[in-house]
Amino acid sequence: MRHLLFTLVASATLFACTPPGTEQGSSTSGPGAALDLKQIEQHILDRPNDPNAYADRALYYERLDSSALAESDWKRTILLDSTNTRWRIALGDLYFRKVRLMDAEQRFQEAIRLEPNGTKGRSKLSEVYLMQGRYPEAMTVANDALRIDPQDASLYNLKGWIHRTAGDTNLAISSYHTAVERDPQFYDAYISLGILHAARQDPLALEYYNSALEIRPESVEALYNKAIFAQEHGRDSLALVCYERIIAVEPKYPLAYYNRGYVYLEHQKRVADARREFNTAIQLLPDYTAAYYNRGLTYELDNKLDSALLDYQQALRLDPGFTPAAQGLGRLQDRGVAVKLR
C-alpha cells in the first residue's frame, strides 16, 4: 500500500518557523491591552502629553491590524518621549511584522544609539539582518549583545536561529544547547533542538520534545512534532497517544485526524477506522486535498470504486497537479470504471 498512500505528515518545520524574539504584539504592554478605544481616548484627552496613553492606543490599533493608525501613535510617543528606547523598539517591531525591514532597521539602530549598553535593540537589529539574509552582520550584532549580557538565553537562541538559517546545524545545535543551559525553561530552544535532531533521524528528538512538554504540557506544537517523529520511526502507539492528546486539547485540529488515519491505514490496515479519520479531517478542512485522496484510497481498497472516483476527482479539482489522485483515476480506469474529469 505504501506506493499508493499519500503521506502528508506535515514536516515538523511546520512549527517553530517564527524567528526567536519576533513577537506577535508590540514589545510594549500594559494596562491599555485591556482598555477599549473610548477609555483610551479619554486618557489621551486627560493626559495629552503622556506617551503611555498613545502607546495604549497604538496597541489597540495593532490588535485591529490598523497599521497606519498604530504607526502614527508610536511616532507620537517618540515625539513626546524621544529618549526612551521603548517606543522606537515598539515602532520597529511594527515595521518588522509588516516586513518594512529598512524602516525597522532604522528604528532599532536609533534604540542602540540611545541605549548603547542595552541588548534589546541589538537583538532586534540582529533579527532584521537575519530576515535580510545578512548572516554575518546578524551574528556580529548578536555577539555584541552577548558581550553586554552573557547570561541572556534568548540571545543564544537567536544565534541558533542564525546558524540554522545559514545552514550550519552543528553550530545551531550548540547555540540552542547553551540557551537551555542558561534557561532550562526555554521552550522554543527545546523545540528547535527536537526539530534539528529529528532531521538527523536522531532519537534524542523525542527527549527534547518531552522537555518542551514538561514546560508546556498542552503544546500542540510539541505533541505534533513528537507524534510525527514516532510515526516515522515505527512507534505507532506513541504517535496515536500524541494525536489523542492533541485532539483533547484542540478538537478541531485536522492534521491530528489526518495523521491518525494515516497510521490506521498504512501501518495497521484498519481501513474503516482510517476512513473515519479522513472524514473528520475533511469536515474540519473542506479543501484538504490529501484527505480526499486517502479517503478515496480507502474506498478503492474496499472496492467501492464509485466513491473512490468521486474523492479522486475532488482532489484533482482542488489541486489539478495532484499526481496521486491522477494515478488513482488511472487505476480505476484499469478496473473498468468510466472516468470523466469534471
Protein backbone atom coordinates (compact mmCIF):
# COMPACT_ATOMS: atom_id res chain seq x y z
CA MET A 1 0.00 0.00 0.00
CA ARG A 2 2.94 2.33 0.60
CA HIS A 3 3.25 3.30 -3.07
CA LEU A 4 -0.41 4.32 -3.13
CA LEU A 5 -0.97 6.15 0.11
CA PHE A 6 -0.24 9.83 0.05
CA THR A 7 1.71 10.82 3.12
CA LEU A 8 1.06 14.30 4.38
CA VAL A 9 2.66 14.03 7.74
CA ALA A 10 3.37 17.72 7.75
CA SER A 11 7.01 18.41 8.43
CA ALA A 12 7.93 19.33 11.94
CA THR A 13 9.22 22.57 10.47
CA LEU A 14 5.59 23.50 10.03
CA PHE A 15 6.07 24.71 13.58
CA ALA A 16 8.71 26.95 15.05
CA CYS A 17 9.09 28.95 11.87
CA THR A 18 8.98 32.36 13.51
CA PRO A 19 12.38 33.76 14.45
CA PRO A 20 13.03 33.86 18.18
CA GLY A 21 12.14 37.16 19.72
CA THR A 22 9.67 38.04 16.97
CA GLU A 23 6.64 38.89 18.99
CA GLN A 24 3.08 38.80 17.81
CA GLY A 25 2.32 42.05 19.59
CA SER A 26 4.32 45.10 20.41
CA SER A 27 7.21 44.96 22.79
CA THR A 28 5.24 47.45 24.82
CA SER A 29 2.47 46.13 27.01
CA GLY A 30 0.47 47.48 29.87
CA PRO A 31 -2.97 48.30 31.15
CA GLY A 32 -4.01 49.57 27.72
CA ALA A 33 -4.19 46.00 26.49
CA ALA A 34 -7.46 45.62 28.40
CA LEU A 35 -8.96 49.03 27.56
CA ASP A 36 -11.45 49.86 24.84
CA LEU A 37 -10.97 52.74 22.46
CA LYS A 38 -13.33 55.09 24.29
CA GLN A 39 -11.40 54.67 27.55
CA ILE A 40 -8.07 55.08 25.81
CA GLU A 41 -9.09 58.27 24.04
CA GLN A 42 -10.40 59.70 27.29
CA HIS A 43 -6.99 59.05 28.78
CA ILE A 44 -5.43 60.93 25.88
CA LEU A 45 -7.76 63.87 26.48
CA ASP A 46 -6.90 63.82 30.17
CA ARG A 47 -3.14 63.37 29.61
CA PRO A 48 -2.33 64.76 26.15
CA ASN A 49 1.42 64.74 26.81
CA ASP A 50 1.61 61.24 28.25
CA PRO A 51 3.29 58.85 25.76
CA ASN A 52 1.82 55.85 27.58
CA ALA A 53 -1.69 56.92 26.57
CA TYR A 54 -0.70 56.96 22.89
CA ALA A 55 1.09 53.65 23.35
CA ASP A 56 -2.15 52.17 24.66
CA ARG A 57 -3.95 53.34 21.54
CA ALA A 58 -1.18 52.07 19.28
CA LEU A 59 -1.54 48.63 20.86
CA TYR A 60 -5.29 48.81 20.39
CA TYR A 61 -4.86 49.59 16.69
CA GLU A 62 -2.30 46.84 16.29
CA ARG A 63 -4.82 44.32 17.59
CA LEU A 64 -7.18 45.54 14.85
CA ASP A 65 -4.36 45.34 12.29
CA SER A 66 -4.75 49.08 11.69
CA SER A 67 -1.08 49.55 10.98
CA ALA A 68 -1.17 53.13 9.75
CA LEU A 69 -3.01 54.33 12.84
CA ALA A 70 -0.71 52.36 15.12
CA GLU A 71 2.34 53.76 13.34
CA SER A 72 1.06 57.30 13.83
CA ASP A 73 0.60 56.77 17.56
CA TRP A 74 4.01 55.17 18.03
CA LYS A 75 5.54 58.16 16.29
CA ARG A 76 3.66 60.42 18.68
CA THR A 77 5.13 58.57 21.66
CA ILE A 78 8.61 59.17 20.23
CA LEU A 79 7.92 62.88 19.83
CA LEU A 80 6.72 63.10 23.42
CA ASP A 81 9.49 60.95 24.93
CA SER A 82 12.34 60.94 22.45
CA THR A 83 14.98 59.44 24.73
CA ASN A 84 13.01 56.32 25.67
CA THR A 85 14.11 53.36 23.55
CA ARG A 86 10.89 51.53 24.38
CA TRP A 87 8.88 53.47 21.80
CA ARG A 88 11.39 53.15 19.00
CA ILE A 89 11.58 49.42 19.56
CA ALA A 90 7.80 49.20 19.55
CA LEU A 91 7.61 51.05 16.22
CA GLY A 92 10.44 48.91 14.87
CA ASP A 93 8.52 45.79 15.87
CA LEU A 94 5.51 47.05 13.93
CA TYR A 95 7.64 47.64 10.86
CA PHE A 96 9.26 44.22 11.27
CA ARG A 97 5.90 42.45 11.34
CA LYS A 98 4.85 44.34 8.23
CA VAL A 99 8.16 43.40 6.54
CA ARG A 100 9.24 47.02 6.31
CA LEU A 101 12.72 45.88 7.20
CA MET A 102 14.63 49.03 6.29
CA ASP A 103 12.32 51.10 8.49
CA ALA A 104 12.66 48.55 11.29
CA GLU A 105 16.45 48.62 10.96
CA GLN A 106 16.46 52.40 11.31
CA ARG A 107 14.38 52.34 14.50
CA PHE A 108 16.45 49.60 16.12
CA GLN A 109 19.68 51.42 15.28
CA GLU A 110 18.23 54.54 16.91
CA ALA A 111 17.44 52.49 20.01
CA ILE A 112 21.03 51.25 20.15
CA ARG A 113 22.38 54.78 19.91
CA LEU A 114 20.09 55.90 22.72
CA GLU A 115 20.97 52.93 24.92
CA PRO A 116 24.43 51.68 23.93
CA ASN A 117 24.60 49.29 26.88
CA GLY A 118 21.21 47.71 26.19
CA THR A 119 20.65 44.38 24.46
CA LYS A 120 17.07 44.76 23.23
CA GLY A 121 17.82 47.00 20.27
CA ARG A 122 20.73 44.80 19.24
CA SER A 123 18.73 41.57 19.36
CA LYS A 124 16.00 43.21 17.27
CA LEU A 125 18.51 44.55 14.75
CA SER A 126 20.09 41.10 14.51
CA GLU A 127 16.68 39.67 13.61
CA VAL A 128 16.29 42.24 10.83
CA TYR A 129 19.66 41.26 9.38
CA LEU A 130 18.67 37.61 9.68
CA MET A 131 15.48 38.19 7.71
CA GLN A 132 17.50 40.03 5.06
CA GLY A 133 19.90 37.11 4.75
CA ARG A 134 22.77 39.19 6.13
CA TYR A 135 24.01 36.38 8.34
CA PRO A 136 27.49 37.66 9.26
CA GLU A 137 26.04 41.02 10.31
CA ALA A 138 23.25 39.32 12.24
CA MET A 139 25.79 37.23 14.12
CA THR A 140 28.05 40.21 14.82
CA VAL A 141 25.20 42.17 16.37
CA ALA A 142 24.02 39.16 18.40
CA ASN A 143 27.55 38.67 19.72
CA ASP A 144 27.75 42.36 20.60
CA ALA A 145 24.61 41.92 22.68
CA LEU A 146 26.07 38.85 24.38
CA ARG A 147 29.14 40.78 25.39
CA ILE A 148 26.78 43.08 27.27
CA ASP A 149 24.78 40.24 28.84
CA PRO A 150 26.46 36.82 28.53
CA GLN A 151 23.67 35.16 30.53
CA ASP A 152 20.80 36.09 28.18
CA ALA A 153 19.43 32.76 26.93
CA SER A 154 17.34 34.43 24.24
CA LEU A 155 20.49 35.71 22.56
CA TYR A 156 21.91 32.18 22.31
CA ASN A 157 18.57 31.10 20.90
CA LEU A 158 18.87 33.88 18.34
CA LYS A 159 22.37 32.70 17.44
CA GLY A 160 20.95 29.22 16.99
CA TRP A 161 18.39 30.59 14.56
CA ILE A 162 21.05 32.46 12.60
CA HIS A 163 23.27 29.36 12.31
CA ARG A 164 20.27 27.23 11.40
CA THR A 165 19.05 29.61 8.70
CA ALA A 166 22.57 29.90 7.31
CA GLY A 167 22.72 26.09 7.09
CA ASP A 168 25.14 25.24 9.90
CA THR A 169 23.12 22.82 12.01
CA ASN A 170 26.07 21.81 14.20
CA LEU A 171 26.61 25.35 15.42
CA ALA A 172 22.85 25.85 15.67
CA ILE A 173 22.55 22.86 17.99
CA SER A 174 25.45 24.16 20.07
CA SER A 175 23.78 27.56 20.46
CA TYR A 176 20.41 26.05 21.37
CA HIS A 177 22.15 23.87 23.96
CA THR A 178 23.69 26.94 25.51
CA ALA A 179 20.28 28.61 25.55
CA VAL A 180 18.74 25.80 27.61
CA GLU A 181 21.79 25.69 29.87
CA ARG A 182 21.25 29.37 30.62
CA ASP A 183 17.49 28.90 30.96
CA PRO A 184 16.24 25.32 31.48
CA GLN A 185 12.67 26.55 30.89
CA PHE A 186 13.41 27.83 27.37
CA TYR A 187 10.62 26.11 25.45
CA ASP A 188 11.49 27.39 21.96
CA ALA A 189 15.07 26.15 22.18
CA TYR A 190 13.91 22.63 23.09
CA ILE A 191 11.55 22.63 20.11
CA SER A 192 14.37 23.73 17.80
CA LEU A 193 16.67 21.04 19.19
CA GLY A 194 13.94 18.48 18.63
CA ILE A 195 13.43 19.55 15.03
CA LEU A 196 17.14 19.52 14.22
CA HIS A 197 17.68 16.08 15.78
CA ALA A 198 14.56 14.74 14.06
CA ALA A 199 16.00 15.85 10.72
CA ARG A 200 19.01 13.66 11.56
CA GLN A 201 16.74 10.74 12.50
CA ASP A 202 18.20 11.00 15.99
CA PRO A 203 16.00 9.57 18.80
CA LEU A 204 17.19 12.44 21.01
CA ALA A 205 14.48 14.43 19.25
CA LEU A 206 11.89 12.75 21.47
CA GLU A 207 13.75 13.80 24.61
CA TYR A 208 13.77 17.42 23.51
CA TYR A 209 10.07 17.34 22.67
CA ASN A 210 9.44 15.78 26.08
CA SER A 211 11.40 18.60 27.70
CA ALA A 212 9.25 21.10 25.84
CA LEU A 213 6.13 19.30 27.04
CA GLU A 214 7.30 19.46 30.63
CA ILE A 215 7.23 23.23 30.23
CA ARG A 216 4.00 23.36 28.22
CA PRO A 217 2.11 20.08 28.73
CA GLU A 218 -0.67 21.01 26.29
CA SER A 219 1.53 22.34 23.50
CA VAL A 220 0.03 21.13 20.22
CA GLU A 221 3.29 22.05 18.53
CA ALA A 222 5.40 19.78 20.73
CA LEU A 223 2.84 16.97 20.71
CA TYR A 224 2.53 17.06 16.94
CA ASN A 225 6.27 17.11 16.34
CA LYS A 226 6.68 14.22 18.77
CA ALA A 227 3.89 12.28 17.06
CA ILE A 228 5.43 12.74 13.62
CA PHE A 229 8.82 11.51 14.78
CA ALA A 230 7.24 8.50 16.47
CA GLN A 231 5.10 7.76 13.42
CA GLU A 232 8.09 7.88 11.09
CA HIS A 233 10.15 5.59 13.31
CA GLY A 234 7.75 2.71 13.86
CA ARG A 235 6.33 3.83 17.20
CA ASP A 236 2.68 3.90 16.24
CA SER A 237 1.34 3.55 19.77
CA LEU A 238 3.23 6.62 20.90
CA ALA A 239 2.13 8.57 17.84
CA LEU A 240 -1.52 7.68 18.43
CA VAL A 241 -1.30 8.71 22.08
CA CYS A 242 0.07 12.08 20.98
CA TYR A 243 -2.69 12.57 18.42
CA GLU A 244 -5.26 11.70 21.06
CA ARG A 245 -3.78 14.33 23.38
CA ILE A 246 -3.79 16.91 20.59
CA ILE A 247 -7.46 16.25 19.90
CA ALA A 248 -8.25 16.59 23.59
CA VAL A 249 -6.55 19.99 23.62
CA GLU A 250 -7.65 21.18 20.19
CA PRO A 251 -10.57 19.10 18.86
CA LYS A 252 -10.68 20.97 15.55
CA TYR A 253 -7.09 20.30 14.54
CA PRO A 254 -7.36 18.48 11.17
CA LEU A 255 -3.76 17.28 10.95
CA ALA A 256 -4.20 15.11 14.04
CA TYR A 257 -7.14 13.27 12.49
CA TYR A 258 -5.43 13.01 9.13
CA ASN A 259 -2.24 11.54 10.51
CA ARG A 260 -4.12 9.21 12.83
CA GLY A 261 -5.92 7.99 9.73
CA TYR A 262 -2.59 7.53 8.01
CA VAL A 263 -1.32 5.33 10.84
CA TYR A 264 -4.51 3.27 10.78
CA LEU A 265 -4.36 2.77 7.03
CA GLU A 266 -0.66 2.50 6.26
CA HIS A 267 0.62 0.77 9.38
CA GLN A 268 -2.35 -1.09 10.81
CA LYS A 269 -4.55 -1.81 7.75
CA ARG A 270 -7.63 -0.53 9.61
CA VAL A 271 -9.37 0.76 6.52
CA ALA A 272 -12.73 1.69 8.05
CA ASP A 273 -11.11 3.44 11.01
CA ALA A 274 -8.83 5.36 8.67
CA ARG A 275 -11.80 6.48 6.59
CA ARG A 276 -13.49 7.83 9.69
CA GLU A 277 -10.42 9.94 10.47
CA PHE A 278 -10.17 11.27 6.93
CA ASN A 279 -13.88 12.13 7.08
CA THR A 280 -13.28 14.24 10.16
CA ALA A 281 -10.24 15.93 8.63
CA ILE A 282 -12.33 16.88 5.59
CA GLN A 283 -15.15 18.20 7.75
CA LEU A 284 -12.69 20.44 9.57
CA LEU A 285 -10.77 21.44 6.44
CA PRO A 286 -13.01 21.11 3.35
CA ASP A 287 -10.18 21.81 0.89
CA TYR A 288 -7.87 19.15 2.34
CA THR A 289 -6.69 17.61 -0.93
CA ALA A 290 -4.65 14.78 0.56
CA ALA A 291 -7.50 13.76 2.86
CA TYR A 292 -9.83 13.36 -0.13
CA TYR A 293 -7.23 11.27 -1.88
CA ASN A 294 -6.56 9.00 1.08
CA ARG A 295 -10.27 8.61 1.78
CA GLY A 296 -10.67 7.69 -1.87
CA LEU A 297 -7.98 5.08 -1.40
CA THR A 298 -9.92 3.53 1.48
CA TYR A 299 -12.92 3.24 -0.83
CA GLU A 300 -10.75 1.74 -3.55
CA LEU A 301 -9.38 -0.84 -1.14
CA ASP A 302 -12.95 -1.75 -0.16
CA ASN A 303 -13.94 -2.00 -3.84
CA LYS A 304 -16.29 0.99 -3.52
CA LEU A 305 -14.99 2.32 -6.77
CA ASP A 306 -17.66 4.94 -7.46
CA SER A 307 -16.95 6.58 -4.11
CA ALA A 308 -13.22 6.38 -4.77
CA LEU A 309 -13.82 8.06 -8.13
CA LEU A 310 -15.63 10.98 -6.51
CA ASP A 311 -12.85 11.55 -3.99
CA TYR A 312 -10.06 11.36 -6.55
CA GLN A 313 -11.92 13.80 -8.76
CA GLN A 314 -12.45 16.17 -5.85
CA ALA A 315 -8.75 16.02 -5.01
CA LEU A 316 -7.94 17.00 -8.59
CA ARG A 317 -10.47 19.81 -8.56
CA LEU A 318 -8.74 21.20 -5.51
CA ASP A 319 -5.28 20.66 -6.97
CA PRO A 320 -5.14 19.78 -10.70
CA GLY A 321 -1.47 18.89 -10.33
CA PHE A 322 -2.00 16.37 -7.54
CA THR A 323 -0.32 13.33 -9.10
CA PRO A 324 -1.50 10.63 -6.65
CA ALA A 325 -5.14 11.42 -7.47
CA ALA A 326 -4.45 11.26 -11.21
CA GLN A 327 -2.77 7.90 -10.68
CA GLY A 328 -5.78 6.78 -8.65
CA LEU A 329 -8.06 7.60 -11.57
CA GLY A 330 -5.75 5.59 -13.80
CA ARG A 331 -6.12 2.57 -11.54
CA LEU A 332 -9.89 2.92 -11.59
CA GLN A 333 -9.87 3.08 -15.38
CA ASP A 334 -7.81 -0.10 -15.46
CA ARG A 335 -10.57 -1.70 -13.37
CA GLY A 336 -13.26 -0.66 -15.84
CA VAL A 337 -14.56 2.50 -14.19
CA ALA A 338 -15.63 5.19 -16.63
CA VAL A 339 -13.63 8.24 -15.64
CA LYS A 340 -14.66 11.71 -16.72
CA LEU A 341 -12.73 14.64 -15.35
CA ARG A 342 -15.03 17.47 -14.36
